[in-house]
């Protein structure tokens, strides 16, 4: 239903329910409303603006609630202090070219702003190997949080696409982790639940592609062009 039609329907419904119009027929009231709107078109504009404003308020409340839930969920891979001044949430896919272009900007940002918590939302949408890499990533985080950051940075700064599980095994073993242990954990229910929670968070924030970021509560869909674009979203 178009917003203009919705506003008209709301006006009509409120009039029909008013006791003062109880003696009028529906057609009489419809004519009264019609004539009033024709003579006062600004009423519809005002009503439309109010509906849009309310819809935006509801969406913002929903967004803020989801962001708070992400921040409080300790199962999501993250780095930095728990009570940091800044919080960056990233939705990414290991084979996303735009994610890879943005990664160096955020690595530099973290070096310059140590008081930043970074939450890694494994959101594989491009390929099956992306899903495998995401599961491996969550498994590594459960075993060793520092090595997870190394795993993530290594894959996200590679120029080439991740193409097979052999590459993942080589990377895992280079981190002095047991591949069989990591692989077994990656296929566990606990890891799948984390990824399911990330997919739910993405849907609540209307994130359908990668990369997407939440920087100090502000949603940024797509890759920032420069470090200054990121800094402008950091709250003092």
Protein backbone atom coordinates (compact mmCIF):
# COMPACT_ATOMS: atom_id res chain seq x y z
CA UNK A 1 0.00 0.00 0.00
CA UNK A 2 1.37 3.43 -0.96
CA UNK A 3 2.07 5.84 1.87
CA UNK A 4 -0.51 8.38 0.62
CA UNK A 5 -3.25 5.71 0.55
CA UNK A 6 -2.20 4.52 3.98
CA UNK A 7 -2.46 8.02 5.44
CA UNK A 8 -5.91 8.50 3.93
CA UNK A 9 -7.03 5.15 5.33
CA UNK A 10 -5.75 6.08 8.78
CA UNK A 11 -7.61 9.38 8.71
CA UNK A 12 -10.80 7.66 7.62
CA UNK A 13 -10.45 4.95 10.25
CA UNK A 14 -10.00 7.48 13.03
CA UNK A 15 -13.05 9.42 11.91
CA UNK A 16 -15.21 6.30 11.64
CA UNK A 17 -14.32 5.35 15.20
CA UNK A 18 -15.11 8.79 16.63
CA UNK A 19 -18.42 8.95 18.63
CA UNK A 20 -19.32 12.33 17.10
CA UNK A 21 -19.73 10.69 13.68
CA UNK A 22 -21.79 7.74 14.89
CA UNK A 23 -24.95 9.00 13.14
CA UNK A 24 -23.25 9.44 9.78
CA UNK A 25 -23.09 6.72 7.16
CA UNK A 26 -19.73 5.48 5.88
CA UNK A 27 -20.29 7.15 2.50
CA UNK A 28 -21.12 10.48 4.18
CA UNK A 29 -17.93 10.33 6.24
CA UNK A 30 -15.87 9.36 3.20
CA UNK A 31 -17.16 12.46 1.39
CA UNK A 32 -16.40 14.68 4.38
CA UNK A 33 -12.88 13.32 4.59
CA UNK A 34 -12.39 13.56 0.83
CA UNK A 35 -13.54 17.17 0.70
CA UNK A 36 -11.41 18.12 3.68
CA UNK A 37 -8.27 16.56 2.18
CA UNK A 38 -8.89 18.20 -1.21
CA UNK A 39 -9.20 21.59 0.50
CA UNK A 40 -6.30 20.92 2.89
CA UNK A 41 -3.71 18.85 0.99
CA UNK A 42 -0.99 19.76 3.49
CA UNK A 43 -2.69 17.44 5.97
CA UNK A 44 -1.68 14.42 3.91
CA UNK A 45 1.88 15.70 3.57
CA UNK A 46 2.10 16.18 7.34
CA UNK A 47 0.61 12.75 7.99
CA UNK A 48 2.98 11.16 5.47
CA UNK A 49 5.98 12.85 7.10
CA UNK A 50 4.85 11.64 10.53
CA UNK A 51 4.49 8.05 9.28
CA UNK A 52 7.96 8.16 7.67
CA UNK A 53 9.46 9.62 10.83
CA UNK A 54 7.88 6.95 12.98
CA UNK A 55 9.04 4.19 10.63
CA UNK A 56 12.60 5.55 10.82
CA UNK A 57 12.42 5.69 14.62
CA UNK A 58 11.25 2.08 14.80
CA UNK A 59 14.01 0.97 12.40
CA UNK A 60 16.65 2.85 14.42
CA UNK A 61 15.43 1.26 17.66
CA UNK A 62 15.58 -2.18 16.05
CA UNK A 63 19.08 -1.45 14.72
CA UNK A 64 20.39 -0.16 18.06
CA UNK A 65 18.97 -3.18 19.88
CA UNK A 66 20.70 -5.57 17.47
CA UNK A 67 24.02 -3.71 17.73
CA UNK A 68 23.85 -3.93 21.52
CA UNK A 69 23.20 -7.67 21.27
CA UNK A 70 26.20 -8.13 18.97
CA UNK A 71 28.47 -6.25 21.36
CA UNK A 72 27.29 -8.29 24.35
CA UNK A 73 27.71 -11.65 22.56
CA UNK A 74 31.13 -12.94 23.62
CA UNK A 75 30.88 -15.89 21.21
CA UNK A 76 31.52 -13.61 18.22
CA UNK A 77 35.24 -13.40 17.34
CA UNK A 78 36.65 -10.11 18.58
CA UNK A 79 39.81 -8.32 19.62
CA UNK A 80 40.65 -5.28 21.71
CA UNK A 81 39.55 -4.20 25.19
CA UNK A 82 36.09 -5.23 26.40
CA UNK A 83 35.29 -1.66 27.48
CA UNK A 84 36.80 0.15 24.53
CA UNK A 85 36.19 3.75 23.51
CA UNK A 86 35.36 2.66 19.95
CA UNK A 87 33.68 -0.43 18.52
CA UNK A 88 33.90 -1.63 14.91
CA UNK A 89 31.75 -4.53 13.70
CA UNK A 90 32.62 -6.03 10.32
CA UNK A 91 30.54 -8.40 8.18
CA UNK A 92 32.91 -10.03 5.68
CA UNK A 93 33.57 -12.92 3.34
CA UNK A 94 37.13 -14.22 2.89
CA UNK A 95 36.73 -14.15 -0.90
CA UNK A 96 35.21 -10.67 -1.05
CA UNK A 97 37.47 -8.37 -3.06
CA UNK A 98 36.02 -5.20 -1.56
CA UNK A 99 36.53 -6.63 1.94
CA UNK A 100 40.18 -7.21 1.11
CA UNK A 101 40.57 -3.62 -0.14
CA UNK A 102 39.10 -2.27 3.10
CA UNK A 103 41.11 -4.51 5.43
CA UNK A 104 44.42 -2.55 5.38
CA UNK A 105 42.52 0.60 6.32
CA UNK A 106 41.14 -1.05 9.43
CA UNK A 107 44.46 -2.69 10.33
CA UNK A 108 46.04 0.79 10.30
CA UNK A 109 43.09 2.16 12.26
CA UNK A 110 43.59 -0.43 15.01
CA UNK A 111 47.30 0.41 15.20
CA UNK A 112 46.49 4.08 15.67
CA UNK A 113 43.51 3.51 17.99
CA UNK A 114 44.37 0.79 20.48
CA UNK A 115 41.24 1.62 22.47
CA UNK A 116 39.05 -0.05 19.82
CA UNK A 117 37.14 -3.30 20.04
CA UNK A 118 36.87 -5.09 16.68
CA UNK A 119 34.11 -7.67 16.21
CA UNK A 120 34.59 -10.08 13.30
CA UNK A 121 31.25 -11.21 11.86
CA UNK A 122 32.01 -14.23 9.69
CA UNK A 123 29.40 -13.85 6.93
CA UNK A 124 30.23 -16.26 4.07
CA UNK A 125 27.98 -15.61 1.09
CA UNK A 126 30.17 -16.06 -1.98
CA UNK A 127 31.27 -19.70 -2.09
CA UNK A 128 31.42 -23.00 -0.28
CA UNK A 129 35.10 -22.49 0.56
CA UNK A 130 34.12 -19.18 2.16
CA UNK A 131 31.77 -21.11 4.45
CA UNK A 132 34.51 -23.61 5.30
CA UNK A 133 36.94 -20.78 6.06
CA UNK A 134 34.36 -19.10 8.29
CA UNK A 135 33.77 -22.29 10.27
CA UNK A 136 37.53 -22.79 10.61
CA UNK A 137 37.86 -19.20 11.77
CA UNK A 138 35.27 -19.55 14.54
CA UNK A 139 36.89 -22.82 15.63
CA UNK A 140 40.32 -21.15 15.86
CA UNK A 141 38.84 -18.31 17.90
CA UNK A 142 37.52 -20.84 20.41
CA UNK A 143 40.99 -22.35 20.71
CA UNK A 144 43.24 -19.28 20.57
CA UNK A 145 41.94 -15.72 20.19
CA UNK A 146 45.28 -14.21 19.22
CA UNK A 147 45.83 -16.78 16.49
CA UNK A 148 42.36 -16.08 15.14
CA UNK A 149 43.38 -12.47 14.43
CA UNK A 150 46.47 -13.72 12.58
CA UNK A 151 44.32 -16.17 10.61
CA UNK A 152 41.86 -13.45 9.67
CA UNK A 153 44.51 -10.90 8.70
CA UNK A 154 46.38 -13.45 6.60
CA UNK A 155 43.34 -14.46 4.55
CA UNK A 156 41.99 -10.92 4.24
CA UNK A 157 45.28 -9.44 2.98
CA UNK A 158 45.99 -12.10 0.36
CA UNK A 159 45.81 -10.91 -3.23
CA UNK A 160 44.59 -14.29 -4.46
CA UNK A 161 41.24 -15.93 -3.89
CA UNK A 162 40.91 -18.77 -1.44
CA UNK A 163 40.17 -21.82 -3.58
CA UNK A 164 40.47 -25.02 -1.54
CA UNK A 165 40.75 -26.59 1.90
CA UNK A 166 44.42 -27.45 1.38
CA UNK A 167 45.24 -23.73 1.64
CA UNK A 168 43.32 -23.52 4.91
CA UNK A 169 45.13 -26.51 6.33
CA UNK A 170 48.51 -25.01 5.46
CA UNK A 171 47.57 -21.73 7.14
CA UNK A 172 46.22 -23.44 10.26
CA UNK A 173 49.37 -25.54 10.61
CA UNK A 174 51.55 -22.45 10.11
CA UNK A 175 49.86 -21.06 13.23
CA UNK A 176 51.03 -24.13 15.18
CA UNK A 177 47.49 -25.48 15.49
CA UNK A 178 46.39 -29.07 15.00
CA UNK A 179 44.46 -29.26 11.73
CA UNK A 180 42.37 -32.31 12.71
CA UNK A 181 41.36 -30.70 15.99
CA UNK A 182 40.43 -27.42 14.30
CA UNK A 183 38.54 -29.19 11.50
CA UNK A 184 36.56 -31.33 13.94
CA UNK A 185 35.64 -28.32 16.05
CA UNK A 186 34.64 -26.37 12.93
CA UNK A 187 31.95 -28.96 12.22
CA UNK A 188 30.48 -28.77 15.72
CA UNK A 189 27.05 -27.50 16.72
CA UNK A 190 28.62 -24.68 18.74
CA UNK A 191 30.36 -23.24 15.69
CA UNK A 192 27.21 -23.52 13.57
CA UNK A 193 25.23 -21.68 16.25
CA UNK A 194 27.69 -18.78 16.16
CA UNK A 195 27.37 -18.53 12.36
CA UNK A 196 23.58 -18.76 12.62
CA UNK A 197 23.58 -15.89 15.13
CA UNK A 198 25.70 -13.84 12.74
CA UNK A 199 23.27 -14.50 9.87
CA UNK A 200 20.39 -13.42 12.10
CA UNK A 201 22.22 -10.24 13.11
CA UNK A 202 22.86 -9.46 9.45
CA UNK A 203 19.18 -9.83 8.59
CA UNK A 204 18.16 -7.57 11.50
CA UNK A 205 20.57 -4.89 10.27
CA UNK A 206 19.48 -5.32 6.63
CA UNK A 207 22.97 -6.48 5.68
CA UNK A 208 22.82 -8.69 2.59
CA UNK A 209 26.26 -8.13 1.08
CA UNK A 210 29.88 -7.69 2.06
CA UNK A 211 31.59 -5.74 3.32
CA UNK A 212 29.37 -4.01 5.84
CA UNK A 213 30.49 -2.23 8.98
CA UNK A 214 29.01 -0.80 12.14
CA UNK A 215 31.35 1.93 13.39
CA UNK A 216 30.44 3.32 16.81
CA UNK A 217 26.80 2.50 16.14
CA UNK A 218 26.61 3.81 12.56
CA UNK A 219 25.97 1.27 9.80
CA UNK A 220 28.20 1.55 6.72
CA UNK A 221 27.29 -0.71 3.81
CA UNK A 222 30.15 -1.18 1.37
CA UNK A 223 33.85 -0.46 1.68
CA UNK A 224 35.06 2.94 2.89
CA UNK A 225 37.24 4.78 0.38
CA UNK A 226 39.81 6.04 2.84
CA UNK A 227 40.84 5.97 6.48
CA UNK A 228 39.36 9.45 6.86
CA UNK A 229 35.94 8.03 5.91
CA UNK A 230 36.27 5.68 8.87
CA UNK A 231 37.56 8.32 11.26
CA UNK A 232 34.60 10.55 10.52
CA UNK A 233 32.34 7.88 11.99
CA UNK A 234 34.38 7.45 15.16
CA UNK A 235 32.68 9.19 18.06
CA UNK A 236 34.79 11.32 20.38
